[in-house]
Amino acid sequence: MQPWNTPELRHRLDLALESHRHWTSRDLVPGLPPPDSDERYTTLWSMPRVLVSHGIQDDPVFWYGNRAALELWELDWEAFTRTPSRYTAEAPLRDERARLLERVTRHGFIDDYSGVRISRTGKRFRIRQAMVWNLRDERGARAGQAASFTDWEPLPMKTAAILGASADPAKFGHKAVLAYARQGYAVWPVNPKEAQIAGHPAFRDLASLPGRPDVISVYLPPPVLLGVLPAIATRGCDELWLNPGTDSLEVVAEAERLGLPVIRACSIVGLGLSPSQLGG
């Protein structure tokens, strides 16, 4: 039996569909074959409409994604059903996603959600007019949430400048190059002493970059970074990650004075990876 077609999952899918009808007074898939028929669950699995659902854990994990969902997020069944649903969004968008799910929890469903999501290899796509609804068990108790949509579009590749990139595989400035590349970014290592790092051409300074980066991830000591902040402000970015060891009080104060979009955290972890996964 296919892993998506077990008796337990059939039952949970039936509850998900009944929950959709409870909140919206309409069927998610009109004309769907009746419960317990093989055609019902094969249709849900193979239809072009994305269907996903997660449970009620503190950090909810997907228990179902149909074939369209797995293809979109570039994951197989085993990997998808081990994935916390928050990792389907980029790190800076996870708070926005959490607010969305809280709104669904309060109101039962929404049918107009649009937002950006990210695949396993870092491909970004925008979903539109997504239906998101609360799941109810046989007693009417909360049992998770589900989402379904048919409209999405790919988005351009994002760029990441690694300021203080290193050719030493043991250093975090090297691991960050690998991490952003693994997640589908065009990576611009910045190091005046290296011609390339991990196969990516290196740049002497921020002014040498071919364009404005979406992300700048910093691996410089605070005294050095303090002098570079004006150049960061001139070049601009959407996210400035101050990794551990770079974010002194003086650095943070000056970055905020310059209006920079500071994130004080490990950018590798922010990508959903662990530095230990990246060698060294």
C-alpha atoms as a PDB file:
ATOM      1  CA  MET A   1       0.000   0.000   0.000  1.00  0.00           C
ATOM      2  CA  GLN A   2       1.238   3.508  -0.785  1.00  0.00           C
ATOM      3  CA  PRO A   3       2.251   5.478   2.353  1.00  0.00           C
ATOM      4  CA  TRP A   4      -0.349   8.156   1.538  1.00  0.00           C
ATOM      5  CA  ASN A   5      -3.136   5.583   1.302  1.00  0.00           C
ATOM      6  CA  THR A   6      -3.158   3.853   4.700  1.00  0.00           C
ATOM      7  CA  PRO A   7      -6.395   3.360   6.664  1.00  0.00           C
ATOM      8  CA  GLU A   8      -5.277   5.956   9.228  1.00  0.00           C
ATOM      9  CA  LEU A   9      -4.557   8.584   6.576  1.00  0.00           C
ATOM     10  CA  ARG A  10      -7.815   7.842   4.779  1.00  0.00           C
ATOM     11  CA  HIS A  11      -9.648   8.532   8.027  1.00  0.00           C
ATOM     12  CA  ARG A  12      -7.726  11.755   8.660  1.00  0.00           C
ATOM     13  CA  LEU A  13      -8.317  12.936   5.098  1.00  0.00           C
ATOM     14  CA  ASP A  14     -12.033  12.299   5.503  1.00  0.00           C
ATOM     15  CA  LEU A  15     -11.994  14.430   8.656  1.00  0.00           C
ATOM     16  CA  ALA A  16     -10.075  17.163   6.804  1.00  0.00           C
ATOM     17  CA  LEU A  17     -12.665  17.209   4.007  1.00  0.00           C
ATOM     18  CA  GLU A  18     -15.551  17.176   6.471  1.00  0.00           C
ATOM     19  CA  SER A  19     -13.908  20.035   8.389  1.00  0.00           C
ATOM     20  CA  HIS A  20     -13.693  22.018   5.163  1.00  0.00           C
ATOM     21  CA  ARG A  21     -17.406  21.486   4.560  1.00  0.00           C
ATOM     22  CA  HIS A  22     -18.172  22.419   8.185  1.00  0.00           C
ATOM     23  CA  TRP A  23     -16.474  25.825   7.854  1.00  0.00           C
ATOM     24  CA  THR A  24     -17.339  26.691   4.248  1.00  0.00           C
ATOM     25  CA  SER A  25     -20.563  24.763   3.523  1.00  0.00           C
ATOM     26  CA  ARG A  26     -19.016  23.458   0.307  1.00  0.00           C
ATOM     27  CA  ASP A  27     -16.846  20.592  -0.863  1.00  0.00           C
ATOM     28  CA  LEU A  28     -13.133  21.153  -1.412  1.00  0.00           C
ATOM     29  CA  VAL A  29     -13.247  18.832  -4.441  1.00  0.00           C
ATOM     30  CA  PRO A  30     -16.720  18.677  -6.018  1.00  0.00           C
ATOM     31  CA  GLY A  31     -17.767  15.237  -7.217  1.00  0.00           C
ATOM     32  CA  LEU A  32     -15.154  13.395  -5.151  1.00  0.00           C
ATOM     33  CA  PRO A  33     -15.823   9.624  -4.935  1.00  0.00           C
ATOM     34  CA  PRO A  34     -17.348   8.387  -1.641  1.00  0.00           C
ATOM     35  CA  PRO A  35     -15.339   7.556   1.526  1.00  0.00           C
ATOM     36  CA  ASP A  36     -13.455   4.230   1.583  1.00  0.00           C
ATOM     37  CA  SER A  37     -13.301   4.012  -2.199  1.00  0.00           C
ATOM     38  CA  ASP A  38      -9.773   3.802  -3.618  1.00  0.00           C
ATOM     39  CA  GLU A  39     -10.696   6.405  -6.223  1.00  0.00           C
ATOM     40  CA  ARG A  40     -11.354   9.022  -3.498  1.00  0.00           C
ATOM     41  CA  TYR A  41      -7.839   8.964  -2.068  1.00  0.00           C
ATOM     42  CA  THR A  42      -6.130   8.436  -5.412  1.00  0.00           C
ATOM     43  CA  THR A  43      -7.926  11.547  -6.674  1.00  0.00           C
ATOM     44  CA  LEU A  44      -6.742  13.592  -3.688  1.00  0.00           C
ATOM     45  CA  TRP A  45      -3.196  12.328  -4.184  1.00  0.00           C
ATOM     46  CA  SER A  46      -2.953  12.931  -7.924  1.00  0.00           C
ATOM     47  CA  MET A  47      -5.067  16.067  -8.444  1.00  0.00           C
ATOM     48  CA  PRO A  48      -3.294  19.246  -9.631  1.00  0.00           C
ATOM     49  CA  ARG A  49      -4.604  21.141  -6.572  1.00  0.00           C
ATOM     50  CA  VAL A  50      -2.076  21.242  -3.691  1.00  0.00           C
ATOM     51  CA  LEU A  51      -3.367  19.726  -0.439  1.00  0.00           C
ATOM     52  CA  VAL A  52      -1.322  19.684   2.789  1.00  0.00           C
ATOM     53  CA  SER A  53      -2.103  19.260   6.464  1.00  0.00           C
ATOM     54  CA  HIS A  54      -0.258  19.414   9.780  1.00  0.00           C
ATOM     55  CA  GLY A  55      -1.037  18.259  13.298  1.00  0.00           C
ATOM     56  CA  ILE A  56      -1.341  19.966  16.686  1.00  0.00           C
ATOM     57  CA  GLN A  57       2.200  19.573  18.022  1.00  0.00           C
ATOM     58  CA  ASP A  58       3.901  22.581  19.615  1.00  0.00           C
ATOM     59  CA  ASP A  59       5.897  22.776  16.383  1.00  0.00           C
ATOM     60  CA  PRO A  60       3.350  21.247  13.968  1.00  0.00           C
ATOM     61  CA  VAL A  61       4.647  18.639  11.509  1.00  0.00           C
ATOM     62  CA  PHE A  62       3.040  17.755   8.189  1.00  0.00           C
ATOM     63  CA  TRP A  63       1.174  14.451   8.144  1.00  0.00           C
ATOM     64  CA  TYR A  64       0.017  14.770   4.538  1.00  0.00           C
ATOM     65  CA  GLY A  65       1.039  16.360   1.295  1.00  0.00           C
ATOM     66  CA  ASN A  66      -0.276  15.178  -2.052  1.00  0.00           C
ATOM     67  CA  ARG A  67       1.864  14.699  -5.143  1.00  0.00           C
ATOM     68  CA  ALA A  68       1.449  18.314  -6.282  1.00  0.00           C
ATOM     69  CA  ALA A  69       2.696  19.506  -2.878  1.00  0.00           C
ATOM     70  CA  LEU A  70       5.718  17.183  -2.858  1.00  0.00           C
ATOM     71  CA  GLU A  71       6.696  18.316  -6.344  1.00  0.00           C
ATOM     72  CA  LEU A  72       6.326  21.979  -5.422  1.00  0.00           C
ATOM     73  CA  TRP A  73       8.421  21.700  -2.262  1.00  0.00           C
ATOM     74  CA  GLU A  74      10.846  19.190  -3.875  1.00  0.00           C
ATOM     75  CA  LEU A  75      10.512  16.589  -1.125  1.00  0.00           C
ATOM     76  CA  ASP A  76       9.619  12.913  -1.055  1.00  0.00           C
ATOM     77  CA  TRP A  77       6.851  11.562   1.191  1.00  0.00           C
ATOM     78  CA  GLU A  78       9.160  10.521   4.023  1.00  0.00           C
ATOM     79  CA  ALA A  79      10.943  13.885   4.167  1.00  0.00           C
ATOM     80  CA  PHE A  80       7.754  15.928   3.846  1.00  0.00           C
ATOM     81  CA  THR A  81       5.982  14.109   6.658  1.00  0.00           C
ATOM     82  CA  ARG A  82       8.940  14.770   8.973  1.00  0.00           C
ATOM     83  CA  THR A  83       9.021  18.495   8.184  1.00  0.00           C
ATOM     84  CA  PRO A  84       7.670  21.122  10.605  1.00  0.00           C
ATOM     85  CA  SER A  85       5.278  23.193   8.543  1.00  0.00           C
ATOM     86  CA  ARG A  86       7.017  26.467   9.509  1.00  0.00           C
ATOM     87  CA  TYR A  87      10.000  25.438   7.368  1.00  0.00           C
ATOM     88  CA  THR A  88       7.941  25.829   4.207  1.00  0.00           C
ATOM     89  CA  ALA A  89       8.411  29.591   4.647  1.00  0.00           C
ATOM     90  CA  GLU A  90      11.664  31.548   4.638  1.00  0.00           C
ATOM     91  CA  ALA A  91      12.922  32.516   8.085  1.00  0.00           C
ATOM     92  CA  PRO A  92      11.933  36.214   7.950  1.00  0.00           C
ATOM     93  CA  LEU A  93       8.403  35.239   6.826  1.00  0.00           C
ATOM     94  CA  ARG A  94       7.740  32.695   9.585  1.00  0.00           C
ATOM     95  CA  ASP A  95       6.293  35.271  11.990  1.00  0.00           C
ATOM     96  CA  GLU A  96       3.906  36.394   9.263  1.00  0.00           C
ATOM     97  CA  ARG A  97       2.934  32.760   8.641  1.00  0.00           C
ATOM     98  CA  ALA A  98       2.364  32.215  12.371  1.00  0.00           C
ATOM     99  CA  ARG A  99       0.018  35.222  12.459  1.00  0.00           C
ATOM    100  CA  LEU A 100      -1.872  33.752   9.516  1.00  0.00           C
ATOM    101  CA  LEU A 101      -2.391  30.419  11.270  1.00  0.00           C
ATOM    102  CA  GLU A 102      -3.499  32.207  14.434  1.00  0.00           C
ATOM    103  CA  ARG A 103      -6.114  34.070  12.378  1.00  0.00           C
ATOM    104  CA  VAL A 104      -7.329  30.740  10.994  1.00  0.00           C
ATOM    105  CA  THR A 105      -7.479  29.310  14.527  1.00  0.00           C
ATOM    106  CA  ARG A 106      -9.720  32.192  15.620  1.00  0.00           C
ATOM    107  CA  HIS A 107     -12.062  32.280  12.619  1.00  0.00           C
ATOM    108  CA  GLY A 108     -12.105  28.672  11.410  1.00  0.00           C
ATOM    109  CA  PHE A 109     -10.892  29.312   7.868  1.00  0.00           C
ATOM    110  CA  ILE A 110      -9.690  31.881   5.368  1.00  0.00           C
ATOM    111  CA  ASP A 111      -9.913  31.632   1.593  1.00  0.00           C
ATOM    112  CA  ASP A 112      -7.812  34.561   0.427  1.00  0.00           C
ATOM    113  CA  TYR A 113      -4.282  33.902   1.649  1.00  0.00           C
ATOM    114  CA  SER A 114      -1.317  34.876  -0.514  1.00  0.00           C
ATOM    115  CA  GLY A 115       2.317  34.480   0.498  1.00  0.00           C
ATOM    116  CA  VAL A 116       5.823  33.376  -0.414  1.00  0.00           C
ATOM    117  CA  ARG A 117       7.063  29.863   0.260  1.00  0.00           C
ATOM    118  CA  ILE A 118      10.387  28.110  -0.364  1.00  0.00           C
ATOM    119  CA  SER A 119      11.265  24.621  -1.628  1.00  0.00           C
ATOM    120  CA  ARG A 120      13.960  22.254  -0.366  1.00  0.00           C
ATOM    121  CA  THR A 121      16.523  23.612  -2.848  1.00  0.00           C
ATOM    122  CA  GLY A 122      15.647  27.247  -2.141  1.00  0.00           C
ATOM    123  CA  LYS A 123      13.283  27.872  -5.047  1.00  0.00           C
ATOM    124  CA  ARG A 124      10.831  30.574  -4.035  1.00  0.00           C
ATOM    125  CA  PHE A 125       7.239  30.722  -5.175  1.00  0.00           C
ATOM    126  CA  ARG A 126       4.211  32.852  -4.402  1.00  0.00           C
ATOM    127  CA  ILE A 127       0.901  31.163  -3.659  1.00  0.00           C
ATOM    128  CA  ARG A 128      -2.392  32.994  -4.211  1.00  0.00           C
ATOM    129  CA  GLN A 129      -5.954  32.568  -3.001  1.00  0.00           C
ATOM    130  CA  ALA A 130      -5.082  29.683  -0.705  1.00  0.00           C
ATOM    131  CA  MET A 131      -7.744  28.109   1.456  1.00  0.00           C
ATOM    132  CA  VAL A 132      -6.565  27.402   5.037  1.00  0.00           C
ATOM    133  CA  TRP A 133      -8.888  25.812   7.581  1.00  0.00           C
ATOM    134  CA  ASN A 134      -9.001  24.229  11.026  1.00  0.00           C
ATOM    135  CA  LEU A 135      -9.402  20.470  11.330  1.00  0.00           C
ATOM    136  CA  ARG A 136     -11.955  18.984  13.730  1.00  0.00           C
ATOM    137  CA  ASP A 137     -12.031  15.442  15.014  1.00  0.00           C
ATOM    138  CA  GLU A 138     -15.188  13.356  15.533  1.00  0.00           C
ATOM    139  CA  ARG A 139     -15.916  15.219  18.792  1.00  0.00           C
ATOM    140  CA  GLY A 140     -15.384  18.642  17.242  1.00  0.00           C
ATOM    141  CA  ALA A 141     -12.044  19.151  19.004  1.00  0.00           C
ATOM    142  CA  ARG A 142      -9.124  20.876  17.297  1.00  0.00           C
ATOM    143  CA  ALA A 143      -7.082  18.406  15.222  1.00  0.00           C
ATOM    144  CA  GLY A 144      -4.685  20.586  13.208  1.00  0.00           C
ATOM    145  CA  GLN A 145      -4.931  22.707  10.072  1.00  0.00           C
ATOM    146  CA  ALA A 146      -5.001  22.094   6.334  1.00  0.00           C
ATOM    147  CA  ALA A 147      -4.335  24.229   3.280  1.00  0.00           C
ATOM    148  CA  SER A 148      -5.137  23.899  -0.400  1.00  0.00           C
ATOM    149  CA  PHE A 149      -4.479  26.046  -3.449  1.00  0.00           C
ATOM    150  CA  THR A 150      -4.197  25.874  -7.230  1.00  0.00           C
ATOM    151  CA  ASP A 151      -2.487  29.176  -8.035  1.00  0.00           C
ATOM    152  CA  TRP A 152       1.255  29.716  -7.604  1.00  0.00           C
ATOM    153  CA  GLU A 153       4.133  31.241  -9.542  1.00  0.00           C
ATOM    154  CA  PRO A 154       7.946  30.893  -9.328  1.00  0.00           C
ATOM    155  CA  LEU A 155       9.915  33.890  -8.077  1.00  0.00           C
ATOM    156  CA  PRO A 156      13.437  35.037  -9.026  1.00  0.00           C
ATOM    157  CA  MET A 157      16.473  33.567  -7.286  1.00  0.00           C
ATOM    158  CA  LYS A 158      17.570  35.535  -4.228  1.00  0.00           C
ATOM    159  CA  THR A 159      21.154  36.689  -3.625  1.00  0.00           C
ATOM    160  CA  ALA A 160      23.260  36.442  -0.476  1.00  0.00           C
ATOM    161  CA  ALA A 161      26.536  38.256   0.226  1.00  0.00           C
ATOM    162  CA  ILE A 162      28.683  36.533   2.845  1.00  0.00           C
ATOM    163  CA  LEU A 163      30.744  39.294   4.447  1.00  0.00           C
ATOM    164  CA  GLY A 164      33.826  37.686   5.950  1.00  0.00           C
ATOM    165  CA  ALA A 165      33.506  34.526   3.852  1.00  0.00           C
ATOM    166  CA  SER A 166      36.333  32.070   4.452  1.00  0.00           C
ATOM    167  CA  ALA A 167      38.123  29.462   2.350  1.00  0.00           C
ATOM    168  CA  ASP A 168      38.633  27.377   5.517  1.00  0.00           C
ATOM    169  CA  PRO A 169      35.922  24.648   5.578  1.00  0.00           C
ATOM    170  CA  ALA A 170      35.997  24.640   9.389  1.00  0.00           C
ATOM    171  CA  LYS A 171      34.931  28.283   9.673  1.00  0.00           C
ATOM    172  CA  PHE A 172      31.341  29.486   9.753  1.00  0.00           C
ATOM    173  CA  GLY A 173      32.137  32.005   7.026  1.00  0.00           C
ATOM    174  CA  HIS A 174      32.699  29.006   4.742  1.00  0.00           C
ATOM    175  CA  LYS A 175      29.714  26.999   5.995  1.00  0.00           C
ATOM    176  CA  ALA A 176      27.444  29.972   5.286  1.00  0.00           C
ATOM    177  CA  VAL A 177      28.525  29.986   1.629  1.00  0.00           C
ATOM    178  CA  LEU A 178      27.585  26.302   1.406  1.00  0.00           C
ATOM    179  CA  ALA A 179      24.327  26.827   3.305  1.00  0.00           C
ATOM    180  CA  TYR A 180      23.017  29.638   1.123  1.00  0.00           C
ATOM    181  CA  ALA A 181      24.038  27.803  -2.044  1.00  0.00           C
ATOM    182  CA  ARG A 182      22.262  24.664  -0.827  1.00  0.00           C
ATOM    183  CA  GLN A 183      19.111  26.695  -0.258  1.00  0.00           C
ATOM    184  CA  GLY A 184      19.102  28.005  -3.809  1.00  0.00           C
ATOM    185  CA  TYR A 185      20.654  31.449  -3.399  1.00  0.00           C
ATOM    186  CA  ALA A 186      23.134  33.042  -5.756  1.00  0.00           C
ATOM    187  CA  VAL A 187      26.065  33.433  -3.343  1.00  0.00           C
ATOM    188  CA  TRP A 188      28.556  36.317  -3.354  1.00  0.00           C
ATOM    189  CA  PRO A 189      31.441  35.629  -0.949  1.00  0.00           C
ATOM    190  CA  VAL A 190      33.217  38.827   0.133  1.00  0.00           C
ATOM    191  CA  ASN A 191      36.901  38.355   0.955  1.00  0.00           C
ATOM    192  CA  PRO A 192      39.717  40.521  -0.502  1.00  0.00           C
ATOM    193  CA  LYS A 193      42.303  37.719  -0.155  1.00  0.00           C
ATOM    194  CA  GLU A 194      40.509  34.964  -2.088  1.00  0.00           C
ATOM    195  CA  ALA A 195      39.702  34.543  -5.790  1.00  0.00           C
ATOM    196  CA  GLN A 196      36.946  32.042  -5.076  1.00  0.00           C
ATOM    197  CA  ILE A 197      35.382  30.248  -2.128  1.00  0.00           C
ATOM    198  CA  ALA A 198      33.635  26.878  -2.406  1.00  0.00           C
ATOM    199  CA  GLY A 199      33.496  27.313  -6.179  1.00  0.00           C
ATOM    200  CA  HIS A 200      31.937  30.794  -6.047  1.00  0.00           C
ATOM    201  CA  PRO A 201      33.879  33.846  -7.316  1.00  0.00           C
ATOM    202  CA  ALA A 202      34.868  36.038  -4.374  1.00  0.00           C
ATOM    203  CA  PHE A 203      34.561  39.820  -4.288  1.00  0.00           C
ATOM    204  CA  ARG A 204      36.998  42.284  -2.784  1.00  0.00           C
ATOM    205  CA  ASP A 205      34.356  44.380  -1.021  1.00  0.00           C
ATOM    206  CA  LEU A 206      30.673  45.272  -1.060  1.00  0.00           C
ATOM    207  CA  ALA A 207      31.190  47.913  -3.734  1.00  0.00           C
ATOM    208  CA  SER A 208      32.469  45.168  -6.087  1.00  0.00           C
ATOM    209  CA  LEU A 209      29.262  43.120  -5.927  1.00  0.00           C
ATOM    210  CA  PRO A 210      27.317  42.844  -9.199  1.00  0.00           C
ATOM    211  CA  GLY A 211      24.175  44.213  -7.579  1.00  0.00           C
ATOM    212  CA  ARG A 212      22.234  44.796  -4.386  1.00  0.00           C
ATOM    213  CA  PRO A 213      22.045  41.567  -2.356  1.00  0.00           C
ATOM    214  CA  ASP A 214      18.810  40.396  -0.807  1.00  0.00           C
ATOM    215  CA  VAL A 215      20.737  39.141   2.212  1.00  0.00           C
ATOM    216  CA  ILE A 216      24.033  40.080   3.849  1.00  0.00           C
ATOM    217  CA  SER A 217      25.316  37.565   6.390  1.00  0.00           C
ATOM    218  CA  VAL A 218      28.220  38.880   8.471  1.00  0.00           C
ATOM    219  CA  TYR A 219      31.241  37.007   9.844  1.00  0.00           C
ATOM    220  CA  LEU A 220      33.468  39.896  10.912  1.00  0.00           C
ATOM    221  CA  PRO A 221      34.633  40.874  14.410  1.00  0.00           C
ATOM    222  CA  PRO A 222      32.742  43.858  15.847  1.00  0.00           C
ATOM    223  CA  PRO A 223      35.572  46.435  15.530  1.00  0.00           C
ATOM    224  CA  VAL A 224      35.946  45.613  11.817  1.00  0.00           C
ATOM    225  CA  LEU A 225      32.210  45.424  11.184  1.00  0.00           C
ATOM    226  CA  LEU A 226      31.668  48.811  12.822  1.00  0.00           C
ATOM    227  CA  GLY A 227      33.786  50.400  10.105  1.00  0.00           C
ATOM    228  CA  VAL A 228      31.966  48.500   7.334  1.00  0.00           C
ATOM    229  CA  LEU A 229      28.417  49.380   8.367  1.00  0.00           C
ATOM    230  CA  PRO A 230      28.324  52.589   6.260  1.00  0.00           C
ATOM    231  CA  ALA A 231      29.222  50.544   3.172  1.00  0.00           C
ATOM    232  CA  ILE A 232      26.443  48.077   4.025  1.00  0.00           C
ATOM    233  CA  ALA A 233      23.999  50.960   4.302  1.00  0.00           C
ATOM    234  CA  THR A 234      25.166  52.313   0.939  1.00  0.00           C
ATOM    235  CA  ARG A 235      24.830  48.938  -0.801  1.00  0.00           C
ATOM    236  CA  GLY A 236      21.570  48.032   0.961  1.00  0.00           C
ATOM    237  CA  CYS A 237      19.891  44.678   1.650  1.00  0.00           C
ATOM    238  CA  ASP A 238      16.596  43.243   2.846  1.00  0.00           C
ATOM    239  CA  GLU A 239      18.143  41.259   5.706  1.00  0.00           C
ATOM    240  CA  LEU A 240      21.360  41.898   7.626  1.00  0.00           C
ATOM    241  CA  TRP A 241      22.251  38.833   9.668  1.00  0.00           C
ATOM    242  CA  LEU A 242      24.624  39.558  12.551  1.00  0.00           C
ATOM    243  CA  ASN A 243      25.886  36.105  13.395  1.00  0.00           C
ATOM    244  CA  PRO A 244      27.050  35.203  16.914  1.00  0.00           C
ATOM    245  CA  GLY A 245      30.278  37.010  17.759  1.00  0.00           C
ATOM    246  CA  THR A 246      29.601  39.983  15.467  1.00  0.00           C
ATOM    247  CA  ASP A 247      26.802  41.814  17.288  1.00  0.00           C
ATOM    248  CA  SER A 248      28.326  44.067  19.944  1.00  0.00           C
ATOM    249  CA  LEU A 249      26.198  46.786  21.520  1.00  0.00           C
ATOM    250  CA  GLU A 250      28.051  49.408  19.487  1.00  0.00           C
ATOM    251  CA  VAL A 251      27.483  47.513  16.240  1.00  0.00           C
ATOM    252  CA  VAL A 252      23.783  47.036  16.898  1.00  0.00           C
ATOM    253  CA  ALA A 253      23.287  50.660  17.908  1.00  0.00           C
ATOM    254  CA  GLU A 254      25.049  51.957  14.776  1.00  0.00           C
ATOM    255  CA  ALA A 255      23.226  49.502  12.504  1.00  0.00           C
ATOM    256  CA  GLU A 256      19.898  50.632  13.907  1.00  0.00           C
ATOM    257  CA  ARG A 257      20.909  54.294  13.558  1.00  0.00           C
ATOM    258  CA  LEU A 258      21.613  53.617   9.889  1.00  0.00           C
ATOM    259  CA  GLY A 259      18.212  51.977   9.486  1.00  0.00           C
ATOM    260  CA  LEU A 260      19.602  48.559   8.594  1.00  0.00           C
ATOM    261  CA  PRO A 261      17.271  45.507   8.767  1.00  0.00           C
ATOM    262  CA  VAL A 262      19.178  43.703  11.527  1.00  0.00           C
ATOM    263  CA  ILE A 263      18.585  40.064  12.494  1.00  0.00           C
ATOM    264  CA  ARG A 264      20.718  38.959  15.452  1.00  0.00           C
ATOM    265  CA  ALA A 265      20.940  35.198  14.965  1.00  0.00           C
ATOM    266  CA  CYS A 266      22.819  32.445  13.155  1.00  0.00           C
ATOM    267  CA  SER A 267      21.921  32.778   9.488  1.00  0.00           C
ATOM    268  CA  ILE A 268      22.647  29.083   8.833  1.00  0.00           C
ATOM    269  CA  VAL A 269      20.093  28.036  11.429  1.00  0.00           C
ATOM    270  CA  GLY A 270      17.759  30.671   9.993  1.00  0.00           C
ATOM    271  CA  LEU A 271      17.901  28.785   6.696  1.00  0.00           C
ATOM    272  CA  GLY A 272      16.676  25.658   8.465  1.00  0.00           C
ATOM    273  CA  LEU A 273      20.100  23.979   8.439  1.00  0.00           C
ATOM    274  CA  SER A 274      22.624  22.996  11.074  1.00  0.00           C
ATOM    275  CA  PRO A 275      26.318  23.966  10.747  1.00  0.00           C
ATOM    276  CA  SER A 276      27.160  20.336  11.524  1.00  0.00           C
ATOM    277  CA  GLN A 277      25.494  19.344   8.236  1.00  0.00           C
ATOM    278  CA  LEU A 278      27.997  21.401   6.265  1.00  0.00           C
ATOM    279  CA  GLY A 279      31.315  19.671   6.953  1.00  0.00           C
ATOM    280  CA  GLY A 280      34.421  21.128   8.491  1.00  0.00           C
END
